[in-house]
Amino acid sequence: MMIYSVFGRLVGVKRDGNRWLLFNVNRNERKYSRIYDVIIPDFLSEDEIPRWLDDIYHEAASAEYPDVVRVE
């Protein structure tokens, strides 16, 4: 699973067959819960995921957390 800091919020992205799945991540407890209300298009490449997350969650950007960054 790829884990991103999306403007300070940890989000996991995992490929399952032909589709991308999105998860809330708690790294301390290594727990993941599915996010069902956001869809990542199946045709996106792994390299395009950060830009997509930025587009979806850009309202959460702040001076402290201005970017989407892969952390794992």
Protein backbone atom coordinates (compact mmCIF):
# COMPACT_ATOMS: atom_id res chain seq x y z
CA MET A 1 0.00 0.00 0.00
CA MET A 2 1.21 3.49 -0.85
CA ILE A 3 0.69 5.94 1.99
CA TYR A 4 0.45 9.69 1.41
CA SER A 5 0.24 12.67 3.67
CA VAL A 6 -2.62 14.50 1.98
CA PHE A 7 -2.40 17.96 3.51
CA GLY A 8 -1.61 16.35 6.88
CA ARG A 9 -4.13 13.51 6.65
CA LEU A 10 -2.75 10.00 6.08
CA VAL A 11 -4.36 8.23 3.14
CA GLY A 12 -3.50 4.83 1.71
CA VAL A 13 -3.88 3.82 -1.92
CA LYS A 14 -3.84 0.20 -3.00
CA ARG A 15 -4.29 -1.46 -6.38
CA ASP A 16 -6.84 -4.28 -6.35
CA GLY A 17 -6.98 -5.90 -9.76
CA ASN A 18 -8.07 -3.16 -12.17
CA ARG A 19 -9.11 -0.61 -9.57
CA TRP A 20 -7.57 1.70 -7.00
CA LEU A 21 -8.83 1.54 -3.41
CA LEU A 22 -8.52 4.42 -0.96
CA PHE A 23 -8.10 4.13 2.83
CA ASN A 24 -7.82 6.27 5.94
CA VAL A 25 -4.58 5.24 7.66
CA ASN A 26 -3.59 5.10 11.32
CA ARG A 27 0.16 4.37 11.18
CA ASN A 28 0.53 4.00 14.96
CA GLU A 29 -1.92 1.11 15.12
CA ARG A 30 -1.46 0.00 11.49
CA LYS A 31 -5.20 0.20 10.95
CA TYR A 32 -6.87 1.05 7.66
CA SER A 33 -10.48 1.88 6.88
CA ARG A 34 -11.88 2.16 3.37
CA ILE A 35 -12.92 5.50 1.95
CA TYR A 36 -15.93 4.82 -0.26
CA ASP A 37 -16.99 8.32 -1.26
CA VAL A 38 -13.86 9.14 -3.30
CA ILE A 39 -13.08 7.24 -6.48
CA ILE A 40 -9.66 7.14 -8.12
CA PRO A 41 -10.07 6.44 -11.85
CA ASP A 42 -8.76 3.01 -12.81
CA PHE A 43 -6.78 4.39 -15.75
CA LEU A 44 -4.50 6.55 -13.58
CA SER A 45 -0.91 5.41 -13.22
CA GLU A 46 0.82 5.24 -9.85
CA ASP A 47 2.71 8.43 -10.71
CA GLU A 48 -0.57 10.30 -11.27
CA ILE A 49 -2.08 9.44 -7.87
CA PRO A 50 -0.57 12.39 -5.90
CA ARG A 51 -1.94 14.92 -8.41
CA TRP A 52 -5.38 13.30 -8.24
CA LEU A 53 -5.37 13.39 -4.43
CA ASP A 54 -4.31 17.03 -4.59
CA ASP A 55 -7.23 17.82 -6.91
CA ILE A 56 -9.76 16.03 -4.69
CA TYR A 57 -8.58 17.29 -1.29
CA HIS A 58 -7.11 20.73 -2.15
CA GLU A 59 -9.55 22.49 0.21
CA ALA A 60 -7.66 20.90 3.12
CA ALA A 61 -4.35 22.57 2.19
CA SER A 62 -2.86 24.85 4.82
CA ALA A 63 0.36 26.74 5.45
CA GLU A 64 1.51 23.86 7.66
CA TYR A 65 0.49 21.15 5.15
CA PRO A 66 0.62 22.63 1.64
CA ASP A 67 1.30 19.41 -0.33
CA VAL A 68 0.50 15.79 -1.02
CA VAL A 69 3.60 13.77 -0.15
CA ARG A 70 4.23 10.03 -0.31
CA VAL A 71 5.44 8.84 3.10
CA GLU A 72 5.54 5.07 2.42
